[in-house]
Every structure is written in structure tokens, then in C-alpha cells.
Amino acid sequence: MKIAVLVELSTAHRAQVVMEEVKKTGHEVYNASMSSPEDELQLNYLQTGLMSAILLNTHAVDFVIGGCGTGQGYLISANQYPNVYCGHILSPLDAFLFSQINGGNCVSLAFNEGWGWGGEVNLQYILEKLFCCPVGGGFPREREVPQRTFREKLCNVSVATHKDMEQIVKDLDQDMVKDCFKQPVFCQLLKDAHDPLADRLLATYAK
């Protein structure tokens, strides 16, 4: 699985530990946002939500691990877009149930709130339960079929209630969008996707 990690300016000091813990899952992991609070490129949660949506809609990555101080702002931001199914995860149980019942492709973590002694251990356990078994297995197991049906219907709702992703990007504040394309790993992931939408966005914004 190809995973992108996205942190914003208030949580950039967590970027290194988050990357270290996600790499332990054995998946292919990329930091497509900020590496430290001193980065020249300062991204907010509106931008990391948009970047998550672009990465998922172009199939540049399979899963996004994002967040902000509380996890709430990024959650709301990411879920504004089509084909993004983001859950707010605070505990290992949240992670397991979200993975098995909701089968989403994005999680929002609180990188400041409640992050005290042992915060990285809680993150480790969250990631273990998030990826402990194939997504969408159902819980309880006898609920697998109806839960899968609901997920499919939710996908149809997302398509019906959103504009085309490319049009959404065009309609947004263009300064906000252009800054997203200043992130080199983000742009490289889009290039490697070999996706028509990714190619068009790069041609427009990666200059």
C-alpha cells in the first residue's frame, strides 16, 4: 500500500515521529507536506485536505494519514471532496472499527490534543489496528455484507453530491492551490501516478 502523510503548520513538529511510526507498518510511505515548523512552505489544514483529495482522486496513493491539532479541522477539510472517506481516529479501537466497518481511505489524527507522555506509543497502536487486517472485513463479521453495501452506496452519494475534482480545484482560491504544488514530494507522487487528471493539474500548477 502506498501511503501519504500530511501534517500542517501547527503540527509540523510531529512530522518526524509520525513518519517513523508509519514506516513501521511496512507500507510505502511518503511525507507529502511539511517536515518541520521551519519549512519555507507553510501549509494549513485547508491545503493538506485539498492535497489529500488530489492524491486520492488521481490514485497517486492508496491511503492518506493526516491530521491537525485536534484532528477535527483536517477531517472537515478532507471530507469536502469526492472519493475521500476520512475518519477521526483517537484510539486503537477507533482505528480498527473504522478500517473494518467504514473501509475509508483517509484518517485524521490529533497531533497536539492529548499528545502527552507516550503519545508515540498510542500512535503506534493506532497504526497497528488500522492495518492489522484487510480493510472492509466487517465488524461483527456477520455484518460484512450489509456494511459493504452501505460503503458502495456512500460512494454513489459522494459522486452525486460533488462536482468534478478538476472543476473543484479550478473554483478554489488559486493562491491556496498554487502553494500546494510547491511541495516536491506531492508533485512527484502525482507525476508517478501517470493519471490524466494528475498530468493536467501538474501542467497548470507545477511551474
N, C-alpha and C. Protein backbone atom coordinates (compact mmCIF):
# COMPACT_ATOMS: atom_id res chain seq x y z
N MET A 1 0.85 -1.19 0.00
CA MET A 1 0.00 0.00 0.00
C MET A 1 0.89 1.24 0.00
N LYS A 2 0.49 2.22 -0.79
CA LYS A 2 1.22 3.49 -0.89
C LYS A 2 0.51 4.52 -0.01
N ILE A 3 1.21 5.06 0.97
CA ILE A 3 0.60 5.94 1.97
C ILE A 3 1.27 7.31 1.94
N ALA A 4 0.46 8.36 1.94
CA ALA A 4 0.97 9.73 2.09
C ALA A 4 0.66 10.22 3.50
N VAL A 5 1.64 10.87 4.10
CA VAL A 5 1.47 11.53 5.40
C VAL A 5 1.39 13.03 5.16
N LEU A 6 0.38 13.68 5.73
CA LEU A 6 0.23 15.12 5.57
C LEU A 6 0.00 15.78 6.92
N VAL A 7 0.93 16.63 7.31
CA VAL A 7 0.78 17.41 8.53
C VAL A 7 0.80 18.89 8.16
N GLU A 8 0.15 19.70 8.99
CA GLU A 8 0.10 21.14 8.68
C GLU A 8 0.92 21.92 9.69
N LEU A 9 0.91 23.23 9.57
CA LEU A 9 1.88 24.07 10.28
C LEU A 9 1.83 23.94 11.79
N SER A 10 0.66 23.72 12.37
CA SER A 10 0.59 23.63 13.84
C SER A 10 1.10 22.30 14.37
N THR A 11 1.30 21.33 13.47
CA THR A 11 1.73 20.00 13.92
C THR A 11 2.98 19.53 13.18
N ALA A 12 3.65 20.44 12.49
CA ALA A 12 4.85 20.06 11.72
C ALA A 12 5.94 19.50 12.62
N HIS A 13 5.93 19.86 13.89
CA HIS A 13 6.94 19.32 14.82
C HIS A 13 6.74 17.83 15.09
N ARG A 14 5.60 17.29 14.67
CA ARG A 14 5.33 15.85 14.84
C ARG A 14 5.72 15.05 13.59
N ALA A 15 6.09 15.72 12.52
CA ALA A 15 6.27 15.04 11.23
C ALA A 15 7.25 13.87 11.31
N GLN A 16 8.38 14.07 11.97
CA GLN A 16 9.41 13.03 12.00
C GLN A 16 8.92 11.78 12.73
N VAL A 17 8.33 11.96 13.91
CA VAL A 17 7.88 10.80 14.68
C VAL A 17 6.72 10.10 13.97
N VAL A 18 5.85 10.87 13.33
CA VAL A 18 4.75 10.26 12.59
C VAL A 18 5.30 9.40 11.44
N MET A 19 6.25 9.94 10.69
CA MET A 19 6.85 9.18 9.60
C MET A 19 7.53 7.91 10.11
N GLU A 20 8.24 8.02 11.22
CA GLU A 20 8.92 6.85 11.78
C GLU A 20 7.93 5.75 12.15
N GLU A 21 6.81 6.14 12.76
CA GLU A 21 5.82 5.14 13.18
C GLU A 21 5.09 4.54 11.99
N VAL A 22 4.75 5.35 10.99
CA VAL A 22 4.04 4.82 9.83
C VAL A 22 4.94 3.87 9.04
N LYS A 23 6.22 4.16 8.96
CA LYS A 23 7.15 3.28 8.24
C LYS A 23 7.20 1.90 8.88
N LYS A 24 6.97 1.82 10.18
CA LYS A 24 7.00 0.52 10.87
C LYS A 24 5.88 -0.41 10.41
N THR A 25 4.87 0.13 9.73
CA THR A 25 3.78 -0.71 9.25
C THR A 25 4.21 -1.56 8.05
N GLY A 26 5.35 -1.22 7.47
CA GLY A 26 5.86 -1.97 6.33
C GLY A 26 5.34 -1.49 4.99
N HIS A 27 4.53 -0.44 4.99
CA HIS A 27 4.00 0.09 3.74
C HIS A 27 4.95 1.14 3.15
N GLU A 28 4.69 1.49 1.91
CA GLU A 28 5.47 2.52 1.21
C GLU A 28 4.94 3.88 1.65
N VAL A 29 5.78 4.69 2.29
CA VAL A 29 5.30 5.90 2.96
C VAL A 29 6.03 7.14 2.44
N TYR A 30 5.28 8.22 2.24
CA TYR A 30 5.84 9.49 1.76
C TYR A 30 5.29 10.65 2.58
N ASN A 31 6.16 11.54 2.98
CA ASN A 31 5.71 12.78 3.61
C ASN A 31 5.48 13.79 2.50
N ALA A 32 4.23 14.09 2.21
CA ALA A 32 3.88 14.98 1.11
C ALA A 32 3.51 16.37 1.60
N SER A 33 3.97 16.74 2.81
CA SER A 33 3.58 18.04 3.36
C SER A 33 4.78 18.74 3.99
N MET A 34 4.72 18.99 5.29
CA MET A 34 5.78 19.70 5.98
C MET A 34 6.66 18.72 6.77
N SER A 35 7.93 19.08 6.91
CA SER A 35 8.88 18.25 7.66
C SER A 35 9.23 18.84 9.01
N SER A 36 9.09 20.16 9.13
CA SER A 36 9.39 20.84 10.39
C SER A 36 8.72 22.21 10.39
N PRO A 37 8.59 22.83 11.57
CA PRO A 37 7.97 24.16 11.63
C PRO A 37 8.78 25.23 10.88
N GLU A 38 10.06 24.92 10.61
CA GLU A 38 10.93 25.89 9.95
C GLU A 38 10.85 25.82 8.43
N ASP A 39 10.06 24.93 7.89
CA ASP A 39 9.94 24.81 6.43
C ASP A 39 9.53 26.14 5.81
N GLU A 40 10.09 26.42 4.66
CA GLU A 40 9.72 27.64 3.95
C GLU A 40 8.26 27.60 3.52
N LEU A 41 7.82 26.42 3.09
CA LEU A 41 6.43 26.25 2.69
C LEU A 41 5.58 25.95 3.91
N GLN A 42 4.68 26.86 4.24
CA GLN A 42 3.82 26.73 5.41
C GLN A 42 2.41 26.34 4.95
N LEU A 43 2.03 25.11 5.24
CA LEU A 43 0.74 24.59 4.80
C LEU A 43 -0.27 24.58 5.94
N ASN A 44 -1.50 24.96 5.66
CA ASN A 44 -2.56 24.88 6.66
C ASN A 44 -3.45 23.67 6.39
N TYR A 45 -4.40 23.41 7.30
CA TYR A 45 -5.21 22.20 7.16
C TYR A 45 -6.16 22.24 5.97
N LEU A 46 -6.50 23.45 5.49
CA LEU A 46 -7.30 23.54 4.27
C LEU A 46 -6.51 23.01 3.08
N GLN A 47 -5.22 23.33 3.07
CA GLN A 47 -4.38 22.88 1.96
C GLN A 47 -4.06 21.39 2.05
N THR A 48 -3.78 20.88 3.25
CA THR A 48 -3.49 19.45 3.36
C THR A 48 -4.73 18.61 3.07
N GLY A 49 -5.91 19.14 3.38
CA GLY A 49 -7.14 18.45 3.00
C GLY A 49 -7.28 18.38 1.49
N LEU A 50 -7.01 19.49 0.80
CA LEU A 50 -7.06 19.52 -0.66
C LEU A 50 -6.02 18.58 -1.26
N MET A 51 -4.81 18.63 -0.73
CA MET A 51 -3.75 17.78 -1.25
C MET A 51 -4.10 16.30 -1.09
N SER A 52 -4.73 15.96 0.02
CA SER A 52 -5.17 14.59 0.24
C SER A 52 -6.15 14.16 -0.83
N ALA A 53 -7.10 15.04 -1.12
CA ALA A 53 -8.12 14.73 -2.13
C ALA A 53 -7.51 14.55 -3.51
N ILE A 54 -6.56 15.40 -3.85
CA ILE A 54 -5.91 15.28 -5.16
C ILE A 54 -5.15 13.97 -5.25
N LEU A 55 -4.41 13.63 -4.21
CA LEU A 55 -3.64 12.38 -4.22
C LEU A 55 -4.55 11.16 -4.35
N LEU A 56 -5.67 11.18 -3.66
CA LEU A 56 -6.58 10.03 -3.70
C LEU A 56 -7.36 9.97 -5.02
N ASN A 57 -7.78 11.12 -5.54
CA ASN A 57 -8.56 11.13 -6.77
C ASN A 57 -7.72 10.84 -8.02
N THR A 58 -6.42 11.03 -7.93
CA THR A 58 -5.53 10.70 -9.05
C THR A 58 -4.90 9.32 -8.87
N HIS A 59 -5.25 8.65 -7.78
CA HIS A 59 -4.70 7.32 -7.47
C HIS A 59 -3.18 7.36 -7.29
N ALA A 60 -2.68 8.53 -6.90
CA ALA A 60 -1.24 8.66 -6.63
C ALA A 60 -0.86 7.88 -5.37
N VAL A 61 -1.80 7.77 -4.43
CA VAL A 61 -1.60 6.97 -3.22
C VAL A 61 -2.88 6.17 -2.95
N ASP A 62 -2.74 5.18 -2.10
CA ASP A 62 -3.89 4.36 -1.73
C ASP A 62 -4.56 4.83 -0.44
N PHE A 63 -3.78 5.52 0.39
CA PHE A 63 -4.27 5.88 1.73
C PHE A 63 -3.55 7.14 2.18
N VAL A 64 -4.25 7.97 2.95
CA VAL A 64 -3.66 9.20 3.49
C VAL A 64 -3.81 9.21 5.01
N ILE A 65 -2.70 9.51 5.68
CA ILE A 65 -2.72 9.73 7.12
C ILE A 65 -2.44 11.22 7.34
N GLY A 66 -3.46 11.92 7.79
CA GLY A 66 -3.34 13.35 8.01
C GLY A 66 -3.80 13.72 9.40
N GLY A 67 -3.93 15.00 9.62
CA GLY A 67 -4.39 15.46 10.93
C GLY A 67 -4.05 16.92 11.15
N CYS A 68 -4.35 17.37 12.35
CA CYS A 68 -4.04 18.74 12.77
C CYS A 68 -3.98 18.71 14.29
N GLY A 69 -4.12 19.85 14.93
CA GLY A 69 -4.03 19.88 16.39
C GLY A 69 -5.02 18.96 17.08
N THR A 70 -6.28 19.05 16.68
CA THR A 70 -7.33 18.21 17.27
C THR A 70 -7.76 17.07 16.33
N GLY A 71 -7.41 17.20 15.06
CA GLY A 71 -7.88 16.25 14.06
C GLY A 71 -9.20 16.65 13.44
N GLN A 72 -9.88 17.62 14.04
CA GLN A 72 -11.22 17.99 13.56
C GLN A 72 -11.16 18.85 12.29
N GLY A 73 -10.28 19.83 12.27
CA GLY A 73 -10.21 20.72 11.11
C GLY A 73 -9.83 19.99 9.84
N TYR A 74 -8.79 19.15 9.94
CA TYR A 74 -8.36 18.39 8.77
C TYR A 74 -9.47 17.43 8.33
N LEU A 75 -10.13 16.81 9.29
CA LEU A 75 -11.23 15.90 8.98
C LEU A 75 -12.29 16.58 8.13
N ILE A 76 -12.73 17.75 8.57
CA ILE A 76 -13.76 18.50 7.85
C ILE A 76 -13.25 18.92 6.47
N SER A 77 -12.00 19.38 6.42
CA SER A 77 -11.41 19.81 5.16
C SER A 77 -11.36 18.67 4.15
N ALA A 78 -10.82 17.54 4.55
CA ALA A 78 -10.64 16.41 3.63
C ALA A 78 -11.98 15.87 3.14
N ASN A 79 -12.98 15.84 4.00
CA ASN A 79 -14.26 15.25 3.65
C ASN A 79 -15.13 16.16 2.77
N GLN A 80 -14.62 17.33 2.40
CA GLN A 80 -15.36 18.20 1.48
C GLN A 80 -15.29 17.69 0.05
N TYR A 81 -14.39 16.75 -0.23
CA TYR A 81 -14.09 16.38 -1.61
C TYR A 81 -14.61 15.00 -1.98
N PRO A 82 -14.86 14.78 -3.27
CA PRO A 82 -15.34 13.46 -3.70
C PRO A 82 -14.29 12.38 -3.48
N ASN A 83 -14.76 11.18 -3.24
CA ASN A 83 -13.90 9.99 -3.13
C ASN A 83 -12.92 10.04 -1.96
N VAL A 84 -13.20 10.88 -0.98
CA VAL A 84 -12.40 10.92 0.24
C VAL A 84 -13.30 10.47 1.39
N TYR A 85 -12.87 9.43 2.09
CA TYR A 85 -13.65 8.88 3.20
C TYR A 85 -12.75 8.87 4.42
N CYS A 86 -12.81 9.96 5.16
CA CYS A 86 -11.87 10.21 6.24
C CYS A 86 -12.54 10.03 7.60
N GLY A 87 -11.86 9.34 8.50
CA GLY A 87 -12.36 9.13 9.84
C GLY A 87 -11.49 9.81 10.88
N HIS A 88 -12.10 10.25 11.96
CA HIS A 88 -11.39 10.88 13.08
C HIS A 88 -10.98 9.79 14.05
N ILE A 89 -9.70 9.56 14.19
CA ILE A 89 -9.19 8.42 14.95
C ILE A 89 -8.43 8.91 16.18
N LEU A 90 -8.89 8.51 17.35
CA LEU A 90 -8.23 8.89 18.60
C LEU A 90 -7.67 7.70 19.37
N SER A 91 -8.11 6.50 19.03
CA SER A 91 -7.69 5.32 19.79
C SER A 91 -7.49 4.13 18.86
N PRO A 92 -6.80 3.10 19.32
CA PRO A 92 -6.66 1.88 18.51
C PRO A 92 -8.01 1.26 18.16
N LEU A 93 -8.98 1.33 19.08
CA LEU A 93 -10.31 0.78 18.78
C LEU A 93 -10.97 1.56 17.66
N ASP A 94 -10.87 2.90 17.70
CA ASP A 94 -11.38 3.72 16.59
C ASP A 94 -10.79 3.25 15.27
N ALA A 95 -9.47 3.04 15.27
CA ALA A 95 -8.76 2.66 14.05
C ALA A 95 -9.27 1.33 13.51
N PHE A 96 -9.43 0.34 14.39
CA PHE A 96 -9.88 -0.99 13.96
C PHE A 96 -11.31 -0.93 13.40
N LEU A 97 -12.20 -0.27 14.13
CA LEU A 97 -13.60 -0.21 13.70
C LEU A 97 -13.76 0.60 12.41
N PHE A 98 -13.02 1.68 12.29
CA PHE A 98 -13.08 2.48 11.06
C PHE A 98 -12.62 1.64 9.86
N SER A 99 -11.52 0.93 10.04
CA SER A 99 -10.99 0.11 8.96
C SER A 99 -11.97 -0.99 8.57
N GLN A 100 -12.53 -1.66 9.54
CA GLN A 100 -13.36 -2.82 9.25
C GLN A 100 -14.79 -2.47 8.85
N ILE A 101 -15.36 -1.46 9.48
CA ILE A 101 -16.76 -1.11 9.19
C ILE A 101 -16.86 -0.10 8.05
N ASN A 102 -16.10 0.97 8.14
CA ASN A 102 -16.22 2.06 7.18
C ASN A 102 -15.34 1.88 5.95
N GLY A 103 -14.21 1.20 6.11
CA GLY A 103 -13.33 0.93 4.97
C GLY A 103 -12.88 2.18 4.26
N GLY A 104 -12.57 3.23 5.02
CA GLY A 104 -12.18 4.50 4.42
C GLY A 104 -10.78 4.49 3.84
N ASN A 105 -10.41 5.61 3.23
CA ASN A 105 -9.09 5.72 2.60
C ASN A 105 -8.24 6.84 3.19
N CYS A 106 -8.68 7.37 4.34
CA CYS A 106 -8.00 8.52 4.93
C CYS A 106 -8.35 8.59 6.41
N VAL A 107 -7.38 8.94 7.24
CA VAL A 107 -7.67 9.14 8.66
C VAL A 107 -7.14 10.49 9.11
N SER A 108 -7.82 11.05 10.08
CA SER A 108 -7.41 12.31 10.68
C SER A 108 -7.06 12.06 12.14
N LEU A 109 -5.82 12.41 12.50
CA LEU A 109 -5.33 12.17 13.85
C LEU A 109 -5.12 13.49 14.58
N ALA A 110 -5.25 13.45 15.90
CA ALA A 110 -4.97 14.62 16.73
C ALA A 110 -3.49 14.60 17.07
N PHE A 111 -2.73 15.53 16.50
CA PHE A 111 -1.29 15.54 16.71
C PHE A 111 -0.84 16.48 17.83
N ASN A 112 -1.79 17.18 18.45
CA ASN A 112 -1.47 18.03 19.61
C ASN A 112 -2.35 17.67 20.81
N GLU A 113 -3.66 17.67 20.61
CA GLU A 113 -4.58 17.37 21.70
C GLU A 113 -4.32 15.97 22.26
N GLY A 114 -4.12 15.90 23.57
CA GLY A 114 -3.93 14.61 24.23
C GLY A 114 -2.58 13.97 23.98
N TRP A 115 -1.70 14.68 23.32
CA TRP A 115 -0.39 14.12 22.99
C TRP A 115 0.57 14.40 24.15
N GLY A 116 0.53 13.55 25.12
CA GLY A 116 1.42 13.69 26.26
C GLY A 116 2.47 12.60 26.26
N TRP A 117 2.88 12.22 27.46
CA TRP A 117 3.86 11.14 27.62
C TRP A 117 3.30 9.86 27.00
N GLY A 118 4.06 9.25 26.10
CA GLY A 118 3.59 8.04 25.44
C GLY A 118 2.73 8.28 24.22
N GLY A 119 2.68 9.52 23.73
CA GLY A 119 1.87 9.82 22.56
C GLY A 119 2.26 8.99 21.35
N GLU A 120 3.56 8.76 21.18
CA GLU A 120 4.01 7.97 20.04
C GLU A 120 3.61 6.50 20.18
N VAL A 121 3.45 6.04 21.43
CA VAL A 121 3.02 4.66 21.65
C VAL A 121 1.55 4.50 21.23
N ASN A 122 0.72 5.49 21.59
CA ASN A 122 -0.68 5.46 21.16
C ASN A 122 -0.77 5.47 19.64
N LEU A 123 0.07 6.28 19.00
CA LEU A 123 0.10 6.33 17.54
C LEU A 123 0.49 4.98 16.96
N GLN A 124 1.48 4.35 17.56
CA GLN A 124 1.92 3.03 17.10
C GLN A 124 0.78 2.02 17.17
N TYR A 125 0.05 2.01 18.28
CA TYR A 125 -1.06 1.07 18.45
C TYR A 125 -2.21 1.38 17.48
N ILE A 126 -2.45 2.68 17.24
CA ILE A 126 -3.48 3.07 16.28
C ILE A 126 -3.14 2.51 14.90
N LEU A 127 -1.89 2.68 14.49
CA LEU A 127 -1.47 2.21 13.17
C LEU A 127 -1.53 0.69 13.07
N GLU A 128 -1.17 0.01 14.14
CA GLU A 128 -1.24 -1.46 14.15
C GLU A 128 -2.66 -1.93 13.90
N LYS A 129 -3.62 -1.33 14.58
CA LYS A 129 -5.01 -1.75 14.43
C LYS A 129 -5.63 -1.27 13.11
N LEU A 130 -5.12 -0.16 12.60
CA LEU A 130 -5.63 0.37 11.34
C LEU A 130 -5.31 -0.58 10.18
N PHE A 131 -4.11 -1.19 10.24
CA PHE A 131 -3.65 -2.02 9.14
C PHE A 131 -3.46 -3.49 9.53
N CYS A 132 -4.14 -3.93 10.58
CA CYS A 132 -3.92 -5.30 11.07
C CYS A 132 -4.55 -6.36 10.18
N CYS A 133 -5.53 -6.00 9.38
CA CYS A 133 -6.19 -6.97 8.50
C CYS A 133 -6.79 -6.21 7.33
N PRO A 134 -7.18 -6.92 6.28
CA PRO A 134 -7.71 -6.25 5.09
C PRO A 134 -8.88 -5.31 5.41
N VAL A 135 -8.87 -4.15 4.79
CA VAL A 135 -9.90 -3.14 5.01
C VAL A 135 -11.26 -3.67 4.59
N GLY A 136 -12.28 -3.32 5.36
CA GLY A 136 -13.64 -3.65 5.00
C GLY A 136 -14.07 -5.06 5.33
N GLY A 137 -13.37 -5.69 6.28
CA GLY A 137 -13.71 -7.06 6.65
C GLY A 137 -15.02 -7.18 7.40
N GLY A 138 -15.50 -6.07 7.93
CA GLY A 138 -16.77 -6.08 8.66
C GLY A 138 -16.58 -6.34 10.14
N PHE A 139 -17.44 -5.71 10.94
CA PHE A 139 -17.45 -5.98 12.39
C PHE A 139 -18.84 -5.66 12.93
N PRO A 140 -19.42 -6.63 13.64
CA PRO A 140 -19.01 -8.04 13.74
C PRO A 140 -18.97 -8.67 12.35
N ARG A 141 -18.29 -9.81 12.21
CA ARG A 141 -18.05 -10.41 10.90
C ARG A 141 -19.35 -10.70 10.14
N GLU A 142 -20.40 -11.02 10.87
CA GLU A 142 -21.65 -11.32 10.19
C GLU A 142 -22.28 -10.08 9.55
N ARG A 143 -21.70 -8.89 9.85
CA ARG A 143 -22.21 -7.65 9.27
C ARG A 143 -21.43 -7.24 8.02
N GLU A 144 -20.52 -8.11 7.56
CA GLU A 144 -19.66 -7.75 6.44
C GLU A 144 -20.45 -7.36 5.19
N VAL A 145 -21.45 -8.15 4.82
CA VAL A 145 -22.18 -7.90 3.57
C VAL A 145 -22.97 -6.59 3.62
N PRO A 146 -23.81 -6.35 4.64
CA PRO A 146 -24.54 -5.07 4.64
C PRO A 146 -23.62 -3.86 4.77
N GLN A 147 -22.52 -4.01 5.52
CA GLN A 147 -21.59 -2.89 5.65
C GLN A 147 -20.92 -2.57 4.33
N ARG A 148 -20.59 -3.61 3.55
CA ARG A 148 -20.01 -3.39 2.23
C ARG A 148 -21.01 -2.70 1.31
N THR A 149 -22.27 -3.10 1.41
CA THR A 149 -23.33 -2.48 0.61
C THR A 149 -23.47 -1.00 0.95
N PHE A 150 -23.43 -0.67 2.24
CA PHE A 150 -23.53 0.73 2.65
C PHE A 150 -22.35 1.54 2.14
N ARG A 151 -21.14 0.95 2.16
CA ARG A 151 -19.97 1.66 1.66
C ARG A 151 -20.11 1.96 0.17
N GLU A 152 -20.63 1.00 -0.57
CA GLU A 152 -20.83 1.21 -2.01
C GLU A 152 -21.85 2.32 -2.26
N LYS A 153 -22.91 2.34 -1.46
CA LYS A 153 -23.92 3.39 -1.61
C LYS A 153 -23.36 4.76 -1.23
N LEU A 154 -22.48 4.78 -0.22
CA LEU A 154 -21.84 6.03 0.17
C LEU A 154 -20.97 6.56 -0.97
N CYS A 155 -20.29 5.68 -1.69
CA CYS A 155 -19.51 6.10 -2.85
C CYS A 155 -20.40 6.76 -3.89
N ASN A 156 -21.57 6.20 -4.09
CA ASN A 156 -22.52 6.79 -5.04
C ASN A 156 -23.01 8.15 -4.57
N VAL A 157 -23.21 8.29 -3.26
CA VAL A 157 -23.60 9.59 -2.70
C VAL A 157 -22.50 10.62 -2.96
N SER A 158 -21.25 10.22 -2.76
CA SER A 158 -20.13 11.14 -2.97
C SER A 158 -20.08 11.63 -4.40
N VAL A 159 -20.29 10.73 -5.35
CA VAL A 159 -20.30 11.11 -6.76
C VAL A 159 -21.46 12.06 -7.07
N ALA A 160 -22.63 11.76 -6.52
CA ALA A 160 -23.83 12.53 -6.82
C ALA A 160 -23.81 13.93 -6.21
N THR A 161 -23.10 14.10 -5.11
CA THR A 161 -23.16 15.36 -4.37
C THR A 161 -21.95 16.27 -4.59
N HIS A 162 -21.03 15.87 -5.44
CA HIS A 162 -19.84 16.68 -5.68
C HIS A 162 -19.68 17.02 -7.15
N LYS A 163 -19.05 18.15 -7.38
CA LYS A 163 -18.61 18.49 -8.73
C LYS A 163 -17.40 17.63 -9.08
N ASP A 164 -17.02 17.68 -10.34
CA ASP A 164 -15.81 17.01 -10.79
C ASP A 164 -14.59 17.59 -10.05
N MET A 165 -13.65 16.72 -9.66
CA MET A 165 -12.50 17.16 -8.86
C MET A 165 -11.69 18.25 -9.56
N GLU A 166 -11.52 18.12 -10.85
CA GLU A 166 -10.76 19.13 -11.60
C GLU A 166 -11.46 20.48 -11.55
N GLN A 167 -12.77 20.48 -11.67
CA GLN A 167 -13.53 21.73 -11.61
C GLN A 167 -13.46 22.33 -10.21
N ILE A 168 -13.49 21.48 -9.20
CA ILE A 168 -13.37 21.97 -7.82
C ILE A 168 -12.07 22.73 -7.65
N VAL A 169 -10.97 22.15 -8.12
CA VAL A 169 -9.65 22.79 -7.98
C VAL A 169 -9.65 24.14 -8.69
N LYS A 170 -10.25 24.21 -9.86
CA LYS A 170 -10.31 25.46 -10.62
C LYS A 170 -11.11 26.53 -9.89
N ASP A 171 -12.13 26.11 -9.13
CA ASP A 171 -13.02 27.06 -8.46
C ASP A 171 -12.50 27.53 -7.11
N LEU A 172 -11.44 26.90 -6.61
CA LEU A 172 -10.89 27.27 -5.31
C LEU A 172 -10.01 28.52 -5.41
N ASP A 173 -9.69 29.09 -4.26
CA ASP A 173 -8.72 30.18 -4.18
C ASP A 173 -7.42 29.70 -4.82
N GLN A 174 -7.02 30.33 -5.90
CA GLN A 174 -5.89 29.83 -6.68
C GLN A 174 -4.54 30.00 -5.96
N ASP A 175 -4.41 30.99 -5.11
CA ASP A 175 -3.16 31.11 -4.34
C ASP A 175 -3.01 29.93 -3.39
N MET A 176 -4.11 29.51 -2.78
CA MET A 176 -4.08 28.35 -1.89
C MET A 176 -3.67 27.09 -2.67
N VAL A 177 -4.22 26.95 -3.86
CA VAL A 177 -3.92 25.77 -4.68
C VAL A 177 -2.46 25.78 -5.14
N LYS A 178 -1.99 26.92 -5.61
CA LYS A 178 -0.62 27.00 -6.14
C LYS A 178 0.42 26.64 -5.08
N ASP A 179 0.19 27.04 -3.84
CA ASP A 179 1.14 26.71 -2.77
C ASP A 179 1.25 25.20 -2.56
N CYS A 180 0.15 24.49 -2.75
CA CYS A 180 0.18 23.02 -2.59
C CYS A 180 1.16 22.40 -3.56
N PHE A 181 1.24 22.95 -4.76
CA PHE A 181 2.09 22.38 -5.81
C PHE A 181 3.55 22.83 -5.69
N LYS A 182 3.87 23.53 -4.62
CA LYS A 182 5.27 23.85 -4.32
C LYS A 182 5.94 22.75 -3.50
N GLN A 183 5.14 21.77 -3.05
CA GLN A 183 5.68 20.66 -2.25
C GLN A 183 6.23 19.61 -3.21
N PRO A 184 7.55 19.37 -3.20
CA PRO A 184 8.15 18.48 -4.21
C PRO A 184 7.72 17.02 -4.14
N VAL A 185 7.55 16.46 -2.94
CA VAL A 185 7.14 15.06 -2.84
C VAL A 185 5.71 14.90 -3.36
N PHE A 186 4.85 15.84 -3.02
CA PHE A 186 3.47 15.85 -3.51
C PHE A 186 3.45 15.82 -5.04
N CYS A 187 4.24 16.68 -5.66
CA CYS A 187 4.29 16.75 -7.12
C CYS A 187 4.87 15.46 -7.72
N GLN A 188 5.89 14.90 -7.07
CA GLN A 188 6.48 13.67 -7.59
C GLN A 188 5.49 12.51 -7.54
N LEU A 189 4.72 12.44 -6.46
CA LEU A 189 3.69 11.40 -6.36
C LEU A 189 2.68 11.53 -7.50
N LEU A 190 2.31 12.75 -7.84
CA LEU A 190 1.38 12.98 -8.94
C LEU A 190 2.00 12.59 -10.28
N LYS A 191 3.29 12.91 -10.46
CA LYS A 191 3.97 12.53 -11.70
C LYS A 191 4.02 11.01 -11.85
N ASP A 192 4.32 10.34 -10.75
CA ASP A 192 4.45 8.88 -10.78
C ASP A 192 3.10 8.18 -10.97
N ALA A 193 2.01 8.90 -10.72
CA ALA A 193 0.68 8.29 -10.84
C ALA A 193 0.31 7.99 -12.29
N HIS A 194 0.89 8.76 -13.23
CA HIS A 194 0.57 8.60 -14.66
C HIS A 194 -0.95 8.62 -14.87
N ASP A 195 -1.56 9.58 -14.22
CA ASP A 195 -3.02 9.73 -14.27
C ASP A 195 -3.34 11.00 -15.07
N PRO A 196 -4.32 10.97 -15.95
CA PRO A 196 -4.64 12.15 -16.76
C PRO A 196 -4.95 13.40 -15.94
N LEU A 197 -5.73 13.24 -14.86
CA LEU A 197 -6.03 14.39 -14.01
C LEU A 197 -4.76 14.92 -13.36
N ALA A 198 -3.93 14.04 -12.86
CA ALA A 198 -2.67 14.46 -12.24
C ALA A 198 -1.82 15.22 -13.25
N ASP A 199 -1.74 14.72 -14.48
CA ASP A 199 -0.94 15.38 -15.51
C ASP A 199 -1.46 16.77 -15.82
N ARG A 200 -2.76 16.91 -15.89
CA ARG A 200 -3.34 18.22 -16.19
C ARG A 200 -3.11 19.21 -15.06
N LEU A 201 -3.27 18.74 -13.82
CA LEU A 201 -3.03 19.64 -12.68
C LEU A 201 -1.57 20.06 -12.60
N LEU A 202 -0.67 19.13 -12.84
CA LEU A 202 0.76 19.47 -12.82
C LEU A 202 1.09 20.49 -13.92
N ALA A 203 0.51 20.30 -15.11
CA ALA A 203 0.77 21.22 -16.20
C ALA A 203 0.28 22.63 -15.88
N THR A 204 -0.77 22.71 -15.09
CA THR A 204 -1.35 24.02 -14.74
C THR A 204 -0.64 24.68 -13.56
N TYR A 205 -0.29 23.88 -12.55
CA TYR A 205 0.14 24.47 -11.28
C TYR A 205 1.61 24.24 -10.92
N ALA A 206 2.23 23.21 -11.44
CA ALA A 206 3.63 22.91 -11.04
C ALA A 206 4.59 23.64 -11.96
N LYS A 207 4.78 24.92 -11.68
CA LYS A 207 5.65 25.75 -12.52
C LYS A 207 6.73 26.39 -11.67
